Amino acid sequence: MDDFTKIFLTYNYGEAKDLAKAFLTLISAILVFSITFSDKVVNFQNASRRTRVLLTLSWVLFVGAIVLCGISLLFYYNSLWLAVHCAWNCTAPLFGVIRPSPTRVLVIGNNCILLAGMSFVLGLIALVLSAISSIRDISPVKVDIPADETGED
């Protein structure tokens, strides 16, 4: 292996892959947490339509972020394959198609991680807004206080 391939595998590929795996774990944990406690936090069965839409939107955005993380891992693996099995400036066609450089494929994976991060942040915002909407939907309980317990003479 040449020096560039060793550096590419050690830093570019390794760091990007670890970031994607950690981010995938975080998104999955928050999605499972929000689904598990949706009845306790939002009371999904009795919530208003706005609250249910916001909560469902947050789940869809979390699933989208998970899919984008998986796609980025696929591009990272492809960049690894290109770095190991192809010379760095390989332009020899493979099945009639010119192979891209490993860094270009890695950049596509990085863009997928960026989109996954944006989807994750929007999902968190939708989750917080659904919780706020749920709190606003709760009507205050009126308590009747007898006149003799008010402390007035």
N, C-alpha and C. Protein backbone atom coordinates (compact mmCIF):
# COMPACT_ATOMS: atom_id res chain seq x y z
N MET A 1 0.84 -1.19 0.00
CA MET A 1 0.00 0.00 0.00
C MET A 1 0.87 1.25 0.00
N ASP A 2 0.47 2.22 -0.76
CA ASP A 2 1.23 3.47 -0.77
C ASP A 2 0.88 4.31 0.45
N ASP A 3 1.62 5.38 0.66
CA ASP A 3 1.43 6.21 1.85
C ASP A 3 0.06 6.88 1.87
N PHE A 4 -0.40 7.33 0.71
CA PHE A 4 -1.71 7.98 0.68
C PHE A 4 -2.81 7.03 1.12
N THR A 5 -2.77 5.79 0.67
CA THR A 5 -3.79 4.81 1.03
C THR A 5 -3.76 4.55 2.53
N LYS A 6 -2.58 4.46 3.12
CA LYS A 6 -2.48 4.24 4.57
C LYS A 6 -3.07 5.42 5.34
N ILE A 7 -2.74 6.63 4.91
CA ILE A 7 -3.29 7.82 5.57
C ILE A 7 -4.80 7.89 5.38
N PHE A 8 -5.25 7.58 4.17
CA PHE A 8 -6.69 7.60 3.89
C PHE A 8 -7.42 6.62 4.78
N LEU A 9 -6.90 5.41 4.91
CA LEU A 9 -7.56 4.38 5.72
C LEU A 9 -7.52 4.73 7.20
N THR A 10 -6.42 5.31 7.65
CA THR A 10 -6.29 5.62 9.08
C THR A 10 -7.15 6.79 9.49
N TYR A 11 -7.13 7.87 8.74
CA TYR A 11 -7.80 9.08 9.17
C TYR A 11 -9.13 9.31 8.48
N ASN A 12 -9.12 9.44 7.18
CA ASN A 12 -10.36 9.79 6.47
C ASN A 12 -11.44 8.74 6.66
N TYR A 13 -11.13 7.50 6.31
CA TYR A 13 -12.14 6.44 6.40
C TYR A 13 -12.47 6.11 7.84
N GLY A 14 -11.46 5.93 8.67
CA GLY A 14 -11.68 5.50 10.05
C GLY A 14 -12.50 6.48 10.87
N GLU A 15 -12.15 7.73 10.78
CA GLU A 15 -12.87 8.75 11.55
C GLU A 15 -14.31 8.93 11.07
N ALA A 16 -14.48 8.92 9.77
CA ALA A 16 -15.83 9.11 9.21
C ALA A 16 -16.72 7.92 9.57
N LYS A 17 -16.20 6.73 9.50
CA LYS A 17 -16.97 5.53 9.84
C LYS A 17 -17.36 5.53 11.31
N ASP A 18 -16.42 5.89 12.18
CA ASP A 18 -16.73 5.94 13.62
C ASP A 18 -17.78 7.00 13.93
N LEU A 19 -17.70 8.14 13.27
CA LEU A 19 -18.70 9.20 13.46
C LEU A 19 -20.08 8.71 13.04
N ALA A 20 -20.16 8.05 11.90
CA ALA A 20 -21.46 7.57 11.41
C ALA A 20 -22.04 6.52 12.35
N LYS A 21 -21.21 5.62 12.86
CA LYS A 21 -21.72 4.59 13.78
C LYS A 21 -22.20 5.19 15.10
N ALA A 22 -21.45 6.14 15.63
CA ALA A 22 -21.87 6.78 16.88
C ALA A 22 -23.16 7.57 16.70
N PHE A 23 -23.25 8.28 15.58
CA PHE A 23 -24.45 9.07 15.30
C PHE A 23 -25.65 8.17 15.08
N LEU A 24 -25.45 7.05 14.42
CA LEU A 24 -26.52 6.08 14.20
C LEU A 24 -27.03 5.53 15.52
N THR A 25 -26.13 5.26 16.46
CA THR A 25 -26.52 4.78 17.78
C THR A 25 -27.33 5.84 18.53
N LEU A 26 -26.89 7.08 18.48
CA LEU A 26 -27.60 8.17 19.16
C LEU A 26 -29.00 8.37 18.61
N ILE A 27 -29.13 8.40 17.29
CA ILE A 27 -30.45 8.61 16.67
C ILE A 27 -31.39 7.47 17.02
N SER A 28 -30.89 6.24 16.95
CA SER A 28 -31.73 5.07 17.26
C SER A 28 -32.20 5.10 18.71
N ALA A 29 -31.31 5.48 19.61
CA ALA A 29 -31.68 5.54 21.03
C ALA A 29 -32.77 6.59 21.28
N ILE A 30 -32.64 7.75 20.68
CA ILE A 30 -33.64 8.80 20.88
C ILE A 30 -34.97 8.41 20.25
N LEU A 31 -34.93 7.76 19.08
CA LEU A 31 -36.17 7.30 18.45
C LEU A 31 -36.87 6.28 19.33
N VAL A 32 -36.15 5.30 19.83
CA VAL A 32 -36.76 4.28 20.70
C VAL A 32 -37.28 4.91 21.98
N PHE A 33 -36.54 5.84 22.57
CA PHE A 33 -36.97 6.52 23.78
C PHE A 33 -38.27 7.29 23.54
N SER A 34 -38.33 8.01 22.43
CA SER A 34 -39.53 8.83 22.18
C SER A 34 -40.74 7.95 21.87
N ILE A 35 -40.54 6.83 21.20
CA ILE A 35 -41.66 5.93 20.94
C ILE A 35 -42.13 5.26 22.22
N THR A 36 -41.18 4.83 23.04
CA THR A 36 -41.52 4.13 24.29
C THR A 36 -42.30 5.02 25.24
N PHE A 37 -41.89 6.26 25.38
CA PHE A 37 -42.53 7.15 26.35
C PHE A 37 -43.50 8.13 25.72
N SER A 38 -43.98 7.84 24.53
CA SER A 38 -44.91 8.77 23.87
C SER A 38 -46.23 8.88 24.63
N ASP A 39 -46.68 7.80 25.25
CA ASP A 39 -47.93 7.87 26.01
C ASP A 39 -47.76 8.65 27.30
N LYS A 40 -46.58 8.61 27.88
CA LYS A 40 -46.37 9.30 29.15
C LYS A 40 -46.11 10.80 28.94
N VAL A 41 -45.38 11.14 27.91
CA VAL A 41 -45.01 12.54 27.69
C VAL A 41 -46.11 13.29 26.95
N VAL A 42 -46.64 12.67 25.89
CA VAL A 42 -47.57 13.37 25.02
C VAL A 42 -49.00 12.89 25.19
N ASN A 43 -49.22 11.73 25.75
CA ASN A 43 -50.55 11.11 25.84
C ASN A 43 -51.17 11.04 24.44
N PHE A 44 -50.54 10.22 23.61
CA PHE A 44 -50.82 10.16 22.18
C PHE A 44 -52.29 9.89 21.87
N GLN A 45 -52.95 9.08 22.67
CA GLN A 45 -54.35 8.73 22.40
C GLN A 45 -55.29 9.93 22.54
N ASN A 46 -55.04 10.78 23.51
CA ASN A 46 -55.93 11.91 23.77
C ASN A 46 -55.36 13.25 23.31
N ALA A 47 -54.25 13.23 22.60
CA ALA A 47 -53.60 14.47 22.19
C ALA A 47 -54.35 15.11 21.02
N SER A 48 -54.09 16.39 20.85
CA SER A 48 -54.70 17.10 19.72
C SER A 48 -54.03 16.66 18.43
N ARG A 49 -54.67 17.01 17.33
CA ARG A 49 -54.14 16.62 16.02
C ARG A 49 -52.76 17.24 15.79
N ARG A 50 -52.58 18.49 16.19
CA ARG A 50 -51.30 19.18 16.03
C ARG A 50 -50.19 18.45 16.78
N THR A 51 -50.46 18.00 17.98
CA THR A 51 -49.46 17.30 18.77
C THR A 51 -49.09 15.97 18.12
N ARG A 52 -50.10 15.23 17.65
CA ARG A 52 -49.83 13.94 17.01
C ARG A 52 -49.04 14.12 15.71
N VAL A 53 -49.37 15.17 14.95
CA VAL A 53 -48.64 15.42 13.70
C VAL A 53 -47.18 15.76 14.00
N LEU A 54 -46.94 16.61 14.99
CA LEU A 54 -45.56 16.97 15.35
C LEU A 54 -44.76 15.76 15.83
N LEU A 55 -45.40 14.92 16.65
CA LEU A 55 -44.70 13.74 17.15
C LEU A 55 -44.41 12.76 16.02
N THR A 56 -45.38 12.55 15.14
CA THR A 56 -45.16 11.66 14.00
C THR A 56 -44.10 12.23 13.06
N LEU A 57 -44.10 13.54 12.86
CA LEU A 57 -43.08 14.18 12.03
C LEU A 57 -41.69 13.96 12.63
N SER A 58 -41.58 14.06 13.93
CA SER A 58 -40.27 13.83 14.56
C SER A 58 -39.81 12.39 14.34
N TRP A 59 -40.72 11.43 14.44
CA TRP A 59 -40.34 10.04 14.20
C TRP A 59 -39.91 9.83 12.76
N VAL A 60 -40.62 10.43 11.82
CA VAL A 60 -40.26 10.30 10.40
C VAL A 60 -38.88 10.92 10.14
N LEU A 61 -38.61 12.06 10.75
CA LEU A 61 -37.30 12.69 10.58
C LEU A 61 -36.19 11.85 11.21
N PHE A 62 -36.45 11.22 12.35
CA PHE A 62 -35.46 10.34 12.95
C PHE A 62 -35.18 9.12 12.07
N VAL A 63 -36.23 8.53 11.51
CA VAL A 63 -36.04 7.38 10.61
C VAL A 63 -35.27 7.82 9.36
N GLY A 64 -35.58 9.01 8.85
CA GLY A 64 -34.83 9.54 7.70
C GLY A 64 -33.36 9.72 8.03
N ALA A 65 -33.06 10.19 9.23
CA ALA A 65 -31.67 10.35 9.64
C ALA A 65 -30.97 9.00 9.75
N ILE A 66 -31.69 7.98 10.23
CA ILE A 66 -31.11 6.64 10.31
C ILE A 66 -30.79 6.11 8.91
N VAL A 67 -31.71 6.31 7.99
CA VAL A 67 -31.49 5.85 6.60
C VAL A 67 -30.29 6.57 5.99
N LEU A 68 -30.20 7.87 6.20
CA LEU A 68 -29.07 8.63 5.65
C LEU A 68 -27.74 8.20 6.28
N CYS A 69 -27.75 7.83 7.55
CA CYS A 69 -26.52 7.30 8.17
C CYS A 69 -26.12 5.98 7.52
N GLY A 70 -27.11 5.13 7.26
CA GLY A 70 -26.81 3.87 6.59
C GLY A 70 -26.25 4.09 5.19
N ILE A 71 -26.81 5.04 4.46
CA ILE A 71 -26.31 5.35 3.12
C ILE A 71 -24.88 5.89 3.20
N SER A 72 -24.61 6.72 4.21
CA SER A 72 -23.25 7.25 4.34
C SER A 72 -22.26 6.13 4.65
N LEU A 73 -22.66 5.16 5.47
CA LEU A 73 -21.78 4.02 5.73
C LEU A 73 -21.50 3.23 4.46
N LEU A 74 -22.49 3.12 3.59
CA LEU A 74 -22.29 2.46 2.31
C LEU A 74 -21.26 3.22 1.45
N PHE A 75 -21.37 4.53 1.40
CA PHE A 75 -20.39 5.31 0.64
C PHE A 75 -19.00 5.23 1.28
N TYR A 76 -18.94 5.18 2.61
CA TYR A 76 -17.64 5.04 3.26
C TYR A 76 -17.00 3.70 2.91
N TYR A 77 -17.80 2.64 2.88
CA TYR A 77 -17.26 1.34 2.51
C TYR A 77 -16.78 1.36 1.06
N ASN A 78 -17.55 2.01 0.17
CA ASN A 78 -17.13 2.10 -1.22
C ASN A 78 -15.83 2.88 -1.36
N SER A 79 -15.65 3.93 -0.57
CA SER A 79 -14.39 4.68 -0.63
C SER A 79 -13.24 3.81 -0.14
N LEU A 80 -13.49 2.97 0.87
CA LEU A 80 -12.47 2.04 1.34
C LEU A 80 -12.09 1.07 0.23
N TRP A 81 -13.07 0.52 -0.45
CA TRP A 81 -12.81 -0.43 -1.52
C TRP A 81 -12.01 0.21 -2.64
N LEU A 82 -12.38 1.45 -3.00
CA LEU A 82 -11.64 2.14 -4.05
C LEU A 82 -10.21 2.44 -3.63
N ALA A 83 -10.00 2.80 -2.38
CA ALA A 83 -8.65 3.13 -1.91
C ALA A 83 -7.75 1.90 -1.89
N VAL A 84 -8.32 0.74 -1.56
CA VAL A 84 -7.51 -0.47 -1.45
C VAL A 84 -7.33 -1.15 -2.80
N HIS A 85 -8.37 -1.23 -3.61
CA HIS A 85 -8.33 -2.03 -4.83
C HIS A 85 -8.03 -1.24 -6.09
N CYS A 86 -7.82 0.01 -5.99
CA CYS A 86 -7.60 0.82 -7.18
C CYS A 86 -6.45 1.76 -6.90
N ALA A 87 -5.64 2.00 -7.88
CA ALA A 87 -4.58 2.99 -7.73
C ALA A 87 -5.23 4.35 -7.47
N TRP A 88 -4.50 5.26 -6.85
CA TRP A 88 -5.12 6.49 -6.39
C TRP A 88 -5.76 7.27 -7.53
N ASN A 89 -5.11 7.45 -8.62
CA ASN A 89 -5.69 8.18 -9.74
C ASN A 89 -6.18 7.22 -10.81
N CYS A 90 -6.83 6.19 -10.39
CA CYS A 90 -7.28 5.16 -11.31
C CYS A 90 -8.41 5.69 -12.20
N THR A 91 -8.15 5.69 -13.48
CA THR A 91 -9.20 6.08 -14.41
C THR A 91 -9.52 4.94 -15.37
N ALA A 92 -8.94 3.77 -15.10
CA ALA A 92 -9.24 2.61 -15.94
C ALA A 92 -10.69 2.23 -15.73
N PRO A 93 -11.43 2.06 -16.81
CA PRO A 93 -12.85 1.75 -16.64
C PRO A 93 -13.08 0.37 -16.03
N LEU A 94 -14.07 0.30 -15.19
CA LEU A 94 -14.51 -0.95 -14.60
C LEU A 94 -15.91 -1.19 -15.13
N PHE A 95 -16.07 -2.22 -15.95
CA PHE A 95 -17.34 -2.52 -16.60
C PHE A 95 -17.83 -1.33 -17.42
N GLY A 96 -16.89 -0.62 -18.04
CA GLY A 96 -17.25 0.49 -18.91
C GLY A 96 -17.52 1.79 -18.19
N VAL A 97 -17.32 1.83 -16.86
CA VAL A 97 -17.58 3.04 -16.09
C VAL A 97 -16.27 3.51 -15.47
N ILE A 98 -15.99 4.80 -15.57
CA ILE A 98 -14.77 5.33 -14.95
C ILE A 98 -14.98 5.40 -13.45
N ARG A 99 -14.03 4.88 -12.70
CA ARG A 99 -14.14 4.84 -11.24
C ARG A 99 -13.85 6.22 -10.65
N PRO A 100 -14.63 6.64 -9.68
CA PRO A 100 -14.33 7.91 -9.01
C PRO A 100 -13.20 7.72 -8.00
N SER A 101 -12.62 8.81 -7.57
CA SER A 101 -11.56 8.72 -6.57
C SER A 101 -12.20 8.44 -5.20
N PRO A 102 -11.43 7.81 -4.30
CA PRO A 102 -11.98 7.52 -2.96
C PRO A 102 -12.41 8.76 -2.19
N THR A 103 -11.70 9.88 -2.37
CA THR A 103 -12.10 11.08 -1.63
C THR A 103 -13.42 11.65 -2.12
N ARG A 104 -13.70 11.53 -3.41
CA ARG A 104 -15.00 12.00 -3.91
C ARG A 104 -16.14 11.17 -3.33
N VAL A 105 -15.93 9.86 -3.24
CA VAL A 105 -16.96 9.00 -2.67
C VAL A 105 -17.12 9.29 -1.18
N LEU A 106 -16.01 9.55 -0.51
CA LEU A 106 -16.06 9.88 0.92
C LEU A 106 -16.80 11.20 1.14
N VAL A 107 -16.64 12.16 0.25
CA VAL A 107 -17.34 13.44 0.36
C VAL A 107 -18.85 13.23 0.22
N ILE A 108 -19.27 12.33 -0.66
CA ILE A 108 -20.70 12.02 -0.78
C ILE A 108 -21.22 11.44 0.53
N GLY A 109 -20.45 10.55 1.15
CA GLY A 109 -20.82 10.01 2.45
C GLY A 109 -20.91 11.09 3.51
N ASN A 110 -19.96 12.03 3.48
CA ASN A 110 -19.99 13.14 4.44
C ASN A 110 -21.21 14.02 4.23
N ASN A 111 -21.61 14.22 2.98
CA ASN A 111 -22.82 15.00 2.71
C ASN A 111 -24.06 14.28 3.24
N CYS A 112 -24.08 12.95 3.15
CA CYS A 112 -25.21 12.20 3.70
C CYS A 112 -25.26 12.34 5.22
N ILE A 113 -24.10 12.34 5.87
CA ILE A 113 -24.06 12.55 7.33
C ILE A 113 -24.54 13.95 7.67
N LEU A 114 -24.18 14.93 6.87
CA LEU A 114 -24.65 16.30 7.10
C LEU A 114 -26.17 16.38 6.99
N LEU A 115 -26.74 15.75 5.98
CA LEU A 115 -28.20 15.72 5.83
C LEU A 115 -28.86 14.96 6.99
N ALA A 116 -28.21 13.89 7.43
CA ALA A 116 -28.74 13.13 8.57
C ALA A 116 -28.74 14.00 9.83
N GLY A 117 -27.69 14.80 10.01
CA GLY A 117 -27.64 15.70 11.16
C GLY A 117 -28.73 16.75 11.10
N MET A 118 -28.98 17.27 9.93
CA MET A 118 -30.06 18.26 9.78
C MET A 118 -31.41 17.62 10.07
N SER A 119 -31.62 16.42 9.58
CA SER A 119 -32.87 15.71 9.83
C SER A 119 -33.03 15.41 11.32
N PHE A 120 -31.93 15.06 11.97
CA PHE A 120 -31.95 14.78 13.40
C PHE A 120 -32.32 16.02 14.21
N VAL A 121 -31.72 17.15 13.88
CA VAL A 121 -32.02 18.39 14.60
C VAL A 121 -33.46 18.81 14.39
N LEU A 122 -33.95 18.70 13.15
CA LEU A 122 -35.36 19.03 12.89
C LEU A 122 -36.29 18.07 13.64
N GLY A 123 -35.90 16.81 13.74
CA GLY A 123 -36.68 15.84 14.51
C GLY A 123 -36.73 16.19 15.99
N LEU A 124 -35.59 16.64 16.52
CA LEU A 124 -35.57 17.07 17.93
C LEU A 124 -36.46 18.29 18.15
N ILE A 125 -36.42 19.23 17.22
CA ILE A 125 -37.26 20.42 17.33
C ILE A 125 -38.73 20.02 17.28
N ALA A 126 -39.11 19.13 16.38
CA ALA A 126 -40.50 18.67 16.29
C ALA A 126 -40.91 17.93 17.56
N LEU A 127 -39.98 17.16 18.15
CA LEU A 127 -40.27 16.44 19.39
C LEU A 127 -40.52 17.42 20.54
N VAL A 128 -39.70 18.45 20.65
CA VAL A 128 -39.88 19.44 21.70
C VAL A 128 -41.18 20.22 21.49
N LEU A 129 -41.46 20.58 20.24
CA LEU A 129 -42.71 21.30 19.96
C LEU A 129 -43.94 20.43 20.26
N SER A 130 -43.85 19.13 20.03
CA SER A 130 -44.98 18.25 20.35
C SER A 130 -45.18 18.17 21.87
N ALA A 131 -44.08 18.17 22.63
CA ALA A 131 -44.21 18.16 24.09
C ALA A 131 -44.81 19.47 24.59
N ILE A 132 -44.39 20.58 24.02
CA ILE A 132 -44.95 21.89 24.41
C ILE A 132 -46.42 21.96 24.03
N SER A 133 -46.75 21.47 22.84
CA SER A 133 -48.15 21.45 22.41
C SER A 133 -49.00 20.57 23.32
N SER A 134 -48.43 19.47 23.78
CA SER A 134 -49.15 18.58 24.69
C SER A 134 -49.41 19.25 26.03
N ILE A 135 -48.44 20.02 26.50
CA ILE A 135 -48.62 20.74 27.76
C ILE A 135 -49.70 21.80 27.61
N ARG A 136 -49.74 22.47 26.47
CA ARG A 136 -50.76 23.49 26.24
C ARG A 136 -52.15 22.88 26.10
N ASP A 137 -52.23 21.62 25.66
CA ASP A 137 -53.53 20.96 25.49
C ASP A 137 -54.17 20.58 26.82
N ILE A 138 -53.37 20.45 27.86
CA ILE A 138 -53.90 20.05 29.16
C ILE A 138 -54.66 21.22 29.75
N SER A 139 -55.92 20.99 30.08
CA SER A 139 -56.72 22.06 30.67
C SER A 139 -56.44 22.12 32.18
N PRO A 140 -56.37 23.30 32.72
CA PRO A 140 -56.10 23.41 34.15
C PRO A 140 -57.27 22.85 34.96
N VAL A 141 -56.92 22.23 36.07
CA VAL A 141 -57.93 21.66 36.95
C VAL A 141 -58.37 22.74 37.94
N LYS A 142 -59.67 22.93 38.05
CA LYS A 142 -60.19 23.92 38.98
C LYS A 142 -60.48 23.25 40.31
N VAL A 143 -59.99 23.87 41.35
CA VAL A 143 -60.17 23.36 42.70
C VAL A 143 -61.05 24.32 43.47
N ASP A 144 -62.10 23.80 44.07
CA ASP A 144 -62.97 24.64 44.89
C ASP A 144 -62.41 24.69 46.30
N ILE A 145 -62.12 25.88 46.76
CA ILE A 145 -61.59 26.07 48.10
C ILE A 145 -62.72 26.61 48.95
N PRO A 146 -63.04 25.94 50.05
CA PRO A 146 -64.09 26.45 50.93
C PRO A 146 -63.69 27.80 51.51
N ALA A 147 -64.69 28.61 51.81
CA ALA A 147 -64.46 29.97 52.29
C ALA A 147 -63.73 30.02 53.62
N ASP A 148 -63.92 29.04 54.50
CA ASP A 148 -63.29 29.09 55.81
C ASP A 148 -61.80 28.72 55.76
N GLU A 149 -61.32 28.14 54.67
CA GLU A 149 -59.91 27.75 54.59
C GLU A 149 -59.07 28.78 53.83
N THR A 150 -59.65 29.85 53.44
CA THR A 150 -58.88 30.85 52.69
C THR A 150 -58.09 31.77 53.59
N GLY A 151 -58.36 31.75 54.86
CA GLY A 151 -57.64 32.62 55.79
C GLY A 151 -58.26 33.99 55.92
N GLU A 152 -59.41 34.22 55.27
CA GLU A 152 -60.06 35.51 55.36
C GLU A 152 -61.06 35.49 56.52
N ASP A 153 -61.15 36.60 57.22
CA ASP A 153 -62.08 36.69 58.33
C ASP A 153 -63.37 37.32 57.93
